[in-house]
Amino acid sequence: MNKDRVIGTIDEAAGLAKRKTGELTGNTQLEVEGMLQQVKGKVENVWGKAKDVVRDANEEAAVDHKTRIQEAIDGSVAADNTAKRQS
């Protein structure tokens, strides 16, 4: 989890608290501020999730790339050993 998701979660919770407080006290301005903070938190959370997906995909691609390189090296060594035994 990255900082965007943490901040988003905090903003969502704080926004909810503001919104509910505004509803209970009849303070429309506080209620609207709470709604906006909740939306901001949701956007931050989605942005953080997107960044996590990209990071995970890059890590997976790097591992796949390393595996393919190792398989190519192993195949080359095996072919070289076979050629040496046949000569």
PDB file of N, CA and C in Angstrom:
ATOM      1  N   MET A   1       0.858  -1.175   0.000  1.00  0.00           N
ATOM      2  CA  MET A   1       0.000   0.000   0.000  1.00  0.00           C
ATOM      3  C   MET A   1       0.899   1.232   0.000  1.00  0.00           C
ATOM      4  N   ASN A   2       0.571   2.205  -0.841  1.00  0.00           N
ATOM      5  CA  ASN A   2       1.397   3.399  -0.910  1.00  0.00           C
ATOM      6  C   ASN A   2       0.757   4.556  -0.146  1.00  0.00           C
ATOM      7  N   LYS A   3       1.492   5.674  -0.079  1.00  0.00           N
ATOM      8  CA  LYS A   3       1.033   6.803   0.736  1.00  0.00           C
ATOM      9  C   LYS A   3      -0.272   7.401   0.212  1.00  0.00           C
ATOM     10  N   ASP A   4      -0.506   7.345  -1.104  1.00  0.00           N
ATOM     11  CA  ASP A   4      -1.749   7.886  -1.652  1.00  0.00           C
ATOM     12  C   ASP A   4      -2.967   7.144  -1.100  1.00  0.00           C
ATOM     13  N   ARG A   5      -2.841   5.848  -0.969  1.00  0.00           N
ATOM     14  CA  ARG A   5      -3.956   5.061  -0.437  1.00  0.00           C
ATOM     15  C   ARG A   5      -4.171   5.338   1.046  1.00  0.00           C
ATOM     16  N   VAL A   6      -3.082   5.523   1.776  1.00  0.00           N
ATOM     17  CA  VAL A   6      -3.203   5.826   3.202  1.00  0.00           C
ATOM     18  C   VAL A   6      -3.863   7.192   3.392  1.00  0.00           C
ATOM     19  N   ILE A   7      -3.365   8.184   2.663  1.00  0.00           N
ATOM     20  CA  ILE A   7      -3.929   9.530   2.759  1.00  0.00           C
ATOM     21  C   ILE A   7      -5.388   9.520   2.303  1.00  0.00           C
ATOM     22  N   GLY A   8      -5.680   8.774   1.251  1.00  0.00           N
ATOM     23  CA  GLY A   8      -7.054   8.673   0.764  1.00  0.00           C
ATOM     24  C   GLY A   8      -7.994   8.095   1.807  1.00  0.00           C
ATOM     25  N   THR A   9      -7.540   7.060   2.479  1.00  0.00           N
ATOM     26  CA  THR A   9      -8.358   6.429   3.513  1.00  0.00           C
ATOM     27  C   THR A   9      -8.610   7.400   4.665  1.00  0.00           C
ATOM     28  N   ILE A  10      -7.568   8.130   5.046  1.00  0.00           N
ATOM     29  CA  ILE A  10      -7.708   9.119   6.123  1.00  0.00           C
ATOM     30  C   ILE A  10      -8.684  10.218   5.704  1.00  0.00           C
ATOM     31  N   ASP A  11      -8.537  10.725   4.473  1.00  0.00           N
ATOM     32  CA  ASP A  11      -9.450  11.773   3.999  1.00  0.00           C
ATOM     33  C   ASP A  11     -10.894  11.281   3.924  1.00  0.00           C
ATOM     34  N   GLU A  12     -11.079  10.049   3.493  1.00  0.00           N
ATOM     35  CA  GLU A  12     -12.442   9.504   3.436  1.00  0.00           C
ATOM     36  C   GLU A  12     -13.060   9.460   4.835  1.00  0.00           C
ATOM     37  N   ALA A  13     -12.296   8.974   5.810  1.00  0.00           N
ATOM     38  CA  ALA A  13     -12.815   8.861   7.179  1.00  0.00           C
ATOM     39  C   ALA A  13     -13.087  10.242   7.778  1.00  0.00           C
ATOM     40  N   ALA A  14     -12.151  11.166   7.580  1.00  0.00           N
ATOM     41  CA  ALA A  14     -12.337  12.518   8.114  1.00  0.00           C
ATOM     42  C   ALA A  14     -13.521  13.206   7.434  1.00  0.00           C
ATOM     43  N   GLY A  15     -13.645  13.003   6.132  1.00  0.00           N
ATOM     44  CA  GLY A  15     -14.765  13.590   5.401  1.00  0.00           C
ATOM     45  C   GLY A  15     -16.100  13.049   5.877  1.00  0.00           C
ATOM     46  N   LEU A  16     -16.134  11.754   6.128  1.00  0.00           N
ATOM     47  CA  LEU A  16     -17.365  11.145   6.636  1.00  0.00           C
ATOM     48  C   LEU A  16     -17.736  11.747   7.986  1.00  0.00           C
ATOM     49  N   ALA A  17     -16.732  11.897   8.850  1.00  0.00           N
ATOM     50  CA  ALA A  17     -16.985  12.474  10.170  1.00  0.00           C
ATOM     51  C   ALA A  17     -17.507  13.912  10.042  1.00  0.00           C
ATOM     52  N   LYS A  18     -16.889  14.697   9.168  1.00  0.00           N
ATOM     53  CA  LYS A  18     -17.354  16.081   8.955  1.00  0.00           C
ATOM     54  C   LYS A  18     -18.785  16.107   8.418  1.00  0.00           C
ATOM     55  N   ARG A  19     -19.031  15.248   7.440  1.00  0.00           N
ATOM     56  CA  ARG A  19     -20.354  15.216   6.817  1.00  0.00           C
ATOM     57  C   ARG A  19     -21.428  14.864   7.843  1.00  0.00           C
ATOM     58  N   LYS A  20     -21.158  13.829   8.638  1.00  0.00           N
ATOM     59  CA  LYS A  20     -22.129  13.398   9.652  1.00  0.00           C
ATOM     60  C   LYS A  20     -22.331  14.490  10.702  1.00  0.00           C
ATOM     61  N   THR A  21     -21.229  15.124  11.098  1.00  0.00           N
ATOM     62  CA  THR A  21     -21.338  16.212  12.079  1.00  0.00           C
ATOM     63  C   THR A  21     -22.174  17.351  11.505  1.00  0.00           C
ATOM     64  N   GLY A  22     -21.934  17.677  10.236  1.00  0.00           N
ATOM     65  CA  GLY A  22     -22.720  18.714   9.575  1.00  0.00           C
ATOM     66  C   GLY A  22     -24.196  18.352   9.517  1.00  0.00           C
ATOM     67  N   GLU A  23     -24.481  17.081   9.220  1.00  0.00           N
ATOM     68  CA  GLU A  23     -25.876  16.627   9.174  1.00  0.00           C
ATOM     69  C   GLU A  23     -26.537  16.757  10.543  1.00  0.00           C
ATOM     70  N   LEU A  24     -25.830  16.326  11.592  1.00  0.00           N
ATOM     71  CA  LEU A  24     -26.397  16.323  12.941  1.00  0.00           C
ATOM     72  C   LEU A  24     -26.596  17.730  13.492  1.00  0.00           C
ATOM     73  N   THR A  25     -25.702  18.639  13.116  1.00  0.00           N
ATOM     74  CA  THR A  25     -25.785  20.004  13.653  1.00  0.00           C
ATOM     75  C   THR A  25     -26.540  20.952  12.730  1.00  0.00           C
ATOM     76  N   GLY A  26     -26.893  20.486  11.542  1.00  0.00           N
ATOM     77  CA  GLY A  26     -27.578  21.354  10.590  1.00  0.00           C
ATOM     78  C   GLY A  26     -26.638  22.341   9.916  1.00  0.00           C
ATOM     79  N   ASN A  27     -25.343  22.059   9.980  1.00  0.00           N
ATOM     80  CA  ASN A  27     -24.331  22.933   9.376  1.00  0.00           C
ATOM     81  C   ASN A  27     -24.075  22.462   7.943  1.00  0.00           C
ATOM     82  N   THR A  28     -24.746  23.094   6.997  1.00  0.00           N
ATOM     83  CA  THR A  28     -24.656  22.689   5.598  1.00  0.00           C
ATOM     84  C   THR A  28     -23.238  22.835   5.054  1.00  0.00           C
ATOM     85  N   GLN A  29     -22.553  23.896   5.446  1.00  0.00           N
ATOM     86  CA  GLN A  29     -21.193  24.119   4.953  1.00  0.00           C
ATOM     87  C   GLN A  29     -20.270  22.976   5.391  1.00  0.00           C
ATOM     88  N   LEU A  30     -20.364  22.566   6.643  1.00  0.00           N
ATOM     89  CA  LEU A  30     -19.541  21.461   7.145  1.00  0.00           C
ATOM     90  C   LEU A  30     -19.905  20.164   6.441  1.00  0.00           C
ATOM     91  N   GLU A  31     -21.179  19.966   6.181  1.00  0.00           N
ATOM     92  CA  GLU A  31     -21.641  18.770   5.487  1.00  0.00           C
ATOM     93  C   GLU A  31     -21.050  18.706   4.074  1.00  0.00           C
ATOM     94  N   VAL A  32     -21.080  19.836   3.379  1.00  0.00           N
ATOM     95  CA  VAL A  32     -20.532  19.894   2.013  1.00  0.00           C
ATOM     96  C   VAL A  32     -19.017  19.692   2.042  1.00  0.00           C
ATOM     97  N   GLU A  33     -18.330  20.322   2.995  1.00  0.00           N
ATOM     98  CA  GLU A  33     -16.876  20.137   3.119  1.00  0.00           C
ATOM     99  C   GLU A  33     -16.548  18.662   3.342  1.00  0.00           C
ATOM    100  N   GLY A  34     -17.357  18.009   4.168  1.00  0.00           N
ATOM    101  CA  GLY A  34     -17.158  16.591   4.423  1.00  0.00           C
ATOM    102  C   GLY A  34     -17.343  15.758   3.173  1.00  0.00           C
ATOM    103  N   MET A  35     -18.369  16.080   2.395  1.00  0.00           N
ATOM    104  CA  MET A  35     -18.599  15.359   1.140  1.00  0.00           C
ATOM    105  C   MET A  35     -17.415  15.531   0.194  1.00  0.00           C
ATOM    106  N   LEU A  36     -16.947  16.771   0.075  1.00  0.00           N
ATOM    107  CA  LEU A  36     -15.801  17.034  -0.813  1.00  0.00           C
ATOM    108  C   LEU A  36     -14.549  16.295  -0.342  1.00  0.00           C
ATOM    109  N   GLN A  37     -14.335  16.265   0.963  1.00  0.00           N
ATOM    110  CA  GLN A  37     -13.162  15.561   1.488  1.00  0.00           C
ATOM    111  C   GLN A  37     -13.287  14.055   1.250  1.00  0.00           C
ATOM    112  N   GLN A  38     -14.498  13.538   1.357  1.00  0.00           N
ATOM    113  CA  GLN A  38     -14.706  12.111   1.063  1.00  0.00           C
ATOM    114  C   GLN A  38     -14.386  11.810  -0.395  1.00  0.00           C
ATOM    115  N   VAL A  39     -14.862  12.654  -1.294  1.00  0.00           N
ATOM    116  CA  VAL A  39     -14.589  12.452  -2.717  1.00  0.00           C
ATOM    117  C   VAL A  39     -13.091  12.541  -2.977  1.00  0.00           C
ATOM    118  N   LYS A  40     -12.443  13.532  -2.381  1.00  0.00           N
ATOM    119  CA  LYS A  40     -10.987  13.676  -2.521  1.00  0.00           C
ATOM    120  C   LYS A  40     -10.288  12.395  -2.044  1.00  0.00           C
ATOM    121  N   GLY A  41     -10.730  11.860  -0.919  1.00  0.00           N
ATOM    122  CA  GLY A  41     -10.143  10.627  -0.395  1.00  0.00           C
ATOM    123  C   GLY A  41     -10.345   9.452  -1.326  1.00  0.00           C
ATOM    124  N   LYS A  42     -11.524   9.357  -1.916  1.00  0.00           N
ATOM    125  CA  LYS A  42     -11.793   8.260  -2.862  1.00  0.00           C
ATOM    126  C   LYS A  42     -10.891   8.369  -4.089  1.00  0.00           C
ATOM    127  N   VAL A  43     -10.712   9.598  -4.581  1.00  0.00           N
ATOM    128  CA  VAL A  43      -9.846   9.807  -5.746  1.00  0.00           C
ATOM    129  C   VAL A  43      -8.397   9.442  -5.399  1.00  0.00           C
ATOM    130  N   GLU A  44      -7.937   9.884  -4.235  1.00  0.00           N
ATOM    131  CA  GLU A  44      -6.576   9.538  -3.811  1.00  0.00           C
ATOM    132  C   GLU A  44      -6.399   8.029  -3.687  1.00  0.00           C
ATOM    133  N   ASN A  45      -7.408   7.384  -3.153  1.00  0.00           N
ATOM    134  CA  ASN A  45      -7.360   5.934  -2.987  1.00  0.00           C
ATOM    135  C   ASN A  45      -7.299   5.225  -4.338  1.00  0.00           C
ATOM    136  N   VAL A  46      -8.112   5.653  -5.289  1.00  0.00           N
ATOM    137  CA  VAL A  46      -8.102   5.052  -6.628  1.00  0.00           C
ATOM    138  C   VAL A  46      -6.749   5.299  -7.301  1.00  0.00           C
ATOM    139  N   TRP A  47      -6.227   6.517  -7.165  1.00  0.00           N
ATOM    140  CA  TRP A  47      -4.916   6.849  -7.734  1.00  0.00           C
ATOM    141  C   TRP A  47      -3.837   5.937  -7.134  1.00  0.00           C
ATOM    142  N   GLY A  48      -3.887   5.754  -5.836  1.00  0.00           N
ATOM    143  CA  GLY A  48      -2.927   4.871  -5.172  1.00  0.00           C
ATOM    144  C   GLY A  48      -3.042   3.432  -5.647  1.00  0.00           C
ATOM    145  N   LYS A  49      -4.267   2.956  -5.826  1.00  0.00           N
ATOM    146  CA  LYS A  49      -4.470   1.594  -6.324  1.00  0.00           C
ATOM    147  C   LYS A  49      -3.910   1.452  -7.739  1.00  0.00           C
ATOM    148  N   ALA A  50      -4.124   2.476  -8.566  1.00  0.00           N
ATOM    149  CA  ALA A  50      -3.591   2.432  -9.936  1.00  0.00           C
ATOM    150  C   ALA A  50      -2.067   2.374  -9.915  1.00  0.00           C
ATOM    151  N   LYS A  51      -1.454   3.156  -9.044  1.00  0.00           N
ATOM    152  CA  LYS A  51       0.001   3.135  -8.935  1.00  0.00           C
ATOM    153  C   LYS A  51       0.493   1.766  -8.465  1.00  0.00           C
ATOM    154  N   ASP A  52      -0.248   1.148  -7.537  1.00  0.00           N
ATOM    155  CA  ASP A  52       0.118  -0.190  -7.074  1.00  0.00           C
ATOM    156  C   ASP A  52       0.041  -1.209  -8.207  1.00  0.00           C
ATOM    157  N   VAL A  53      -0.993  -1.115  -9.027  1.00  0.00           N
ATOM    158  CA  VAL A  53      -1.159  -2.042 -10.152  1.00  0.00           C
ATOM    159  C   VAL A  53       0.006  -1.897 -11.132  1.00  0.00           C
ATOM    160  N   VAL A  54       0.378  -0.665 -11.442  1.00  0.00           N
ATOM    161  CA  VAL A  54       1.492  -0.430 -12.365  1.00  0.00           C
ATOM    162  C   VAL A  54       2.796  -0.955 -11.768  1.00  0.00           C
ATOM    163  N   ARG A  55       3.030  -0.684 -10.488  1.00  0.00           N
ATOM    164  CA  ARG A  55       4.242  -1.166  -9.826  1.00  0.00           C
ATOM    165  C   ARG A  55       4.298  -2.696  -9.845  1.00  0.00           C
ATOM    166  N   ASP A  56       3.178  -3.323  -9.500  1.00  0.00           N
ATOM    167  CA  ASP A  56       3.145  -4.790  -9.481  1.00  0.00           C
ATOM    168  C   ASP A  56       3.371  -5.372 -10.874  1.00  0.00           C
ATOM    169  N   ALA A  57       2.788  -4.741 -11.887  1.00  0.00           N
ATOM    170  CA  ALA A  57       2.979  -5.221 -13.262  1.00  0.00           C
ATOM    171  C   ALA A  57       4.433  -5.092 -13.683  1.00  0.00           C
ATOM    172  N   ASN A  58       5.064  -3.984 -13.315  1.00  0.00           N
ATOM    173  CA  ASN A  58       6.481  -3.800 -13.639  1.00  0.00           C
ATOM    174  C   ASN A  58       7.357  -4.831 -12.938  1.00  0.00           C
ATOM    175  N   GLU A  59       7.051  -5.101 -11.670  1.00  0.00           N
ATOM    176  CA  GLU A  59       7.823  -6.107 -10.937  1.00  0.00           C
ATOM    177  C   GLU A  59       7.641  -7.487 -11.566  1.00  0.00           C
ATOM    178  N   GLU A  60       6.422  -7.807 -11.934  1.00  0.00           N
ATOM    179  CA  GLU A  60       6.146  -9.102 -12.563  1.00  0.00           C
ATOM    180  C   GLU A  60       6.854  -9.220 -13.907  1.00  0.00           C
ATOM    181  N   ALA A  61       6.859  -8.140 -14.668  1.00  0.00           N
ATOM    182  CA  ALA A  61       7.538  -8.149 -15.967  1.00  0.00           C
ATOM    183  C   ALA A  61       9.040  -8.316 -15.784  1.00  0.00           C
ATOM    184  N   ALA A  62       9.601  -7.684 -14.761  1.00  0.00           N
ATOM    185  CA  ALA A  62      11.037  -7.802 -14.509  1.00  0.00           C
ATOM    186  C   ALA A  62      11.400  -9.236 -14.140  1.00  0.00           C
ATOM    187  N   VAL A  63      10.584  -9.874 -13.314  1.00  0.00           N
ATOM    188  CA  VAL A  63      10.836 -11.262 -12.930  1.00  0.00           C
ATOM    189  C   VAL A  63      10.720 -12.163 -14.153  1.00  0.00           C
ATOM    190  N   ASP A  64       9.692 -11.933 -14.986  1.00  0.00           N
ATOM    191  CA  ASP A  64       9.504 -12.728 -16.200  1.00  0.00           C
ATOM    192  C   ASP A  64      10.704 -12.555 -17.135  1.00  0.00           C
ATOM    193  N   HIS A  65      11.177 -11.335 -17.259  1.00  0.00           N
ATOM    194  CA  HIS A  65      12.330 -11.053 -18.121  1.00  0.00           C
ATOM    195  C   HIS A  65      13.571 -11.790 -17.612  1.00  0.00           C
ATOM    196  N   LYS A  66      13.803 -11.744 -16.308  1.00  0.00           N
ATOM    197  CA  LYS A  66      14.963 -12.434 -15.728  1.00  0.00           C
ATOM    198  C   LYS A  66      14.849 -13.943 -15.935  1.00  0.00           C
ATOM    199  N   THR A  67      13.633 -14.472 -15.807  1.00  0.00           N
ATOM    200  CA  THR A  67      13.422 -15.909 -16.000  1.00  0.00           C
ATOM    201  C   THR A  67      13.734 -16.302 -17.442  1.00  0.00           C
ATOM    202  N   ARG A  68      13.273 -15.500 -18.400  1.00  0.00           N
ATOM    203  CA  ARG A  68      13.538 -15.804 -19.808  1.00  0.00           C
ATOM    204  C   ARG A  68      15.028 -15.740 -20.117  1.00  0.00           C
ATOM    205  N   ILE A  69      15.718 -14.783 -19.553  1.00  0.00           N
ATOM    206  CA  ILE A  69      17.170 -14.680 -19.763  1.00  0.00           C
ATOM    207  C   ILE A  69      17.856 -15.916 -19.198  1.00  0.00           C
ATOM    208  N   GLN A  70      17.455 -16.313 -17.991  1.00  0.00           N
ATOM    209  CA  GLN A  70      18.072 -17.486 -17.365  1.00  0.00           C
ATOM    210  C   GLN A  70      17.786 -18.746 -18.178  1.00  0.00           C
ATOM    211  N   GLU A  71      16.579 -18.876 -18.705  1.00  0.00           N
ATOM    212  CA  GLU A  71      16.241 -20.033 -19.533  1.00  0.00           C
ATOM    213  C   GLU A  71      17.072 -20.049 -20.812  1.00  0.00           C
ATOM    214  N   ALA A  72      17.301 -18.886 -21.394  1.00  0.00           N
ATOM    215  CA  ALA A  72      18.131 -18.804 -22.599  1.00  0.00           C
ATOM    216  C   ALA A  72      19.570 -19.200 -22.289  1.00  0.00           C
ATOM    217  N   ILE A  73      20.081 -18.733 -21.158  1.00  0.00           N
ATOM    218  CA  ILE A  73      21.445 -19.091 -20.759  1.00  0.00           C
ATOM    219  C   ILE A  73      21.543 -20.587 -20.513  1.00  0.00           C
ATOM    220  N   ASP A  74      20.575 -21.128 -19.781  1.00  0.00           N
ATOM    221  CA  ASP A  74      20.579 -22.563 -19.491  1.00  0.00           C
ATOM    222  C   ASP A  74      20.517 -23.382 -20.772  1.00  0.00           C
ATOM    223  N   GLY A  75      19.678 -22.957 -21.723  1.00  0.00           N
ATOM    224  CA  GLY A  75      19.572 -23.658 -23.000  1.00  0.00           C
ATOM    225  C   GLY A  75      20.864 -23.592 -23.781  1.00  0.00           C
ATOM    226  N   SER A  76      21.522 -22.449 -23.738  1.00  0.00           N
ATOM    227  CA  SER A  76      22.790 -22.276 -24.447  1.00  0.00           C
ATOM    228  C   SER A  76      23.874 -23.158 -23.841  1.00  0.00           C
ATOM    229  N   VAL A  77      23.918 -23.205 -22.520  1.00  0.00           N
ATOM    230  CA  VAL A  77      24.917 -24.049 -21.846  1.00  0.00           C
ATOM    231  C   VAL A  77      24.651 -25.516 -22.149  1.00  0.00           C
ATOM    232  N   ALA A  78      23.391 -25.932 -22.127  1.00  0.00           N
ATOM    233  CA  ALA A  78      23.052 -27.323 -22.412  1.00  0.00           C
ATOM    234  C   ALA A  78      23.434 -27.684 -23.848  1.00  0.00           C
ATOM    235  N   ALA A  79      23.164 -26.793 -24.785  1.00  0.00           N
ATOM    236  CA  ALA A  79      23.519 -27.041 -26.183  1.00  0.00           C
ATOM    237  C   ALA A  79      25.035 -27.117 -26.337  1.00  0.00           C
ATOM    238  N   ASP A  80      25.746 -26.266 -25.638  1.00  0.00           N
ATOM    239  CA  ASP A  80      27.201 -26.256 -25.699  1.00  0.00           C
ATOM    240  C   ASP A  80      27.761 -27.560 -25.126  1.00  0.00           C
ATOM    241  N   ASN A  81      27.205 -28.010 -24.018  1.00  0.00           N
ATOM    242  CA  ASN A  81      27.659 -29.266 -23.412  1.00  0.00           C
ATOM    243  C   ASN A  81      27.379 -30.451 -24.333  1.00  0.00           C
ATOM    244  N   THR A  82      26.222 -30.464 -24.988  1.00  0.00           N
ATOM    245  CA  THR A  82      25.874 -31.534 -25.934  1.00  0.00           C
ATOM    246  C   THR A  82      26.854 -31.543 -27.101  1.00  0.00           C
ATOM    247  N   ALA A  83      27.180 -30.370 -27.603  1.00  0.00           N
ATOM    248  CA  ALA A  83      28.123 -30.252 -28.733  1.00  0.00           C
ATOM    249  C   ALA A  83      29.499 -30.752 -28.332  1.00  0.00           C
ATOM    250  N   LYS A  84      29.918 -30.451 -27.129  1.00  0.00           N
ATOM    251  CA  LYS A  84      31.249 -30.904 -26.649  1.00  0.00           C
ATOM    252  C   LYS A  84      31.290 -32.428 -26.514  1.00  0.00           C
ATOM    253  N   ARG A  85      30.196 -33.016 -26.026  1.00  0.00           N
ATOM    254  CA  ARG A  85      30.176 -34.478 -25.862  1.00  0.00           C
ATOM    255  C   ARG A  85      30.167 -35.180 -27.207  1.00  0.00           C
ATOM    256  N   GLN A  86      29.560 -34.566 -28.209  1.00  0.00           N
ATOM    257  CA  GLN A  86      29.467 -35.203 -29.527  1.00  0.00           C
ATOM    258  C   GLN A  86      30.770 -35.084 -30.305  1.00  0.00           C
ATOM    259  N   SER A  87      31.640 -34.158 -29.934  1.00  0.00           N
ATOM    260  CA  SER A  87      32.876 -34.020 -30.708  1.00  0.00           C
ATOM    261  C   SER A  87      34.026 -34.789 -30.143  1.00  0.00           C
TER     262      SER A  87
END
